[in-house]
Amino acid sequence: MIHPTAIIHPDAELAEGVEIGPYAIIGEHVRIGRGTKVGPHTVIDGWTEIGEDNQIFSMASVGGIPQDLKYRGEETWLRIGNRNIIREFTTLQPGTVTGIGETVIGDSNMFMAYCHVAHDCIVGNRVIMANGSTLAGHVEVEDFAILGGLSAVHQFTRIGESAMLSGGAMVGQDVLPYTVASGNRATSSGLNTVGLKRRGFSAETIAAIKKAYRLIIRSGLRLEEALRRIRAEVPHSPEIAHFVAFAVKSERGLCR
């Protein structure tokens, strides 16, 4: 299943059922899992580990050296899970020794054309990055998040579970789980209620999240007071616990 024009380093590890298209290049330290398909002219390099049943389309650049002037060729990793779709001209880069030493991408994500995931990022599961969306270094994106086309996320920023960035959003602060952020120097613009309903969240859970959201974003309270009131007034659930924990952990401040 390897096209004769592909160039594959003899030390690369390819599992059963891997397909490599015309003119693709696979580097020395690359490991590719069962059933993954690599499209024409794709380059996979560096210390890169790719799981099973991924689809990597033409011209993608996976595992190339990070765009960090401090990088000096150290062994740092890009780790990609299973069943991801990586479309044309997407760039996914490994970690750095000044970061966590690896970039980690989970399962069942979709990276549309021209997406960029920089060094030391962590991307969860079932994330969708639309065309041209970009993560700077050290960004964390939790499960089920959706990044609209041409959105960009500043380094060290976090995007919460089931959050959504509108097209063109420029995000410089943490985006709370279950919310929508939009605009240049993005601000919070409501709950991602459509996404929550699609995931099967109950009406009661959505109502509780809405109350917690209003206390943090719309009440004008200091964050500490808003969190105190959420703990006292909003019915406890795993979703509310995660919402609060995310806010408490924020270092860049919350997108409000």
Foldseek 3Di string as FASTA:
>chain_A
DEDPQEAEPPQEAEEPQEYHEHPEYHENQEYEEHNEYAEHCEYAYANEYEYHNEYHYHQEYHADAFPDPPADPDRAYEYYYYHEYHEHHEYEYFAGPVEPRGEYHYENEYEYHQEYDGHQEYEEYHEYEYANEYEYAQEYEYALEYEAANEYEDHVEYEAANEYEHHNEDEDHHEFHQWYWYDDPTATDGGPVVSCVVVPPDPLVVVLVRQLCCLQRPPPDDNVVSLVCSVVPGDDDPVSVRRSVVQVPTDRHYRD
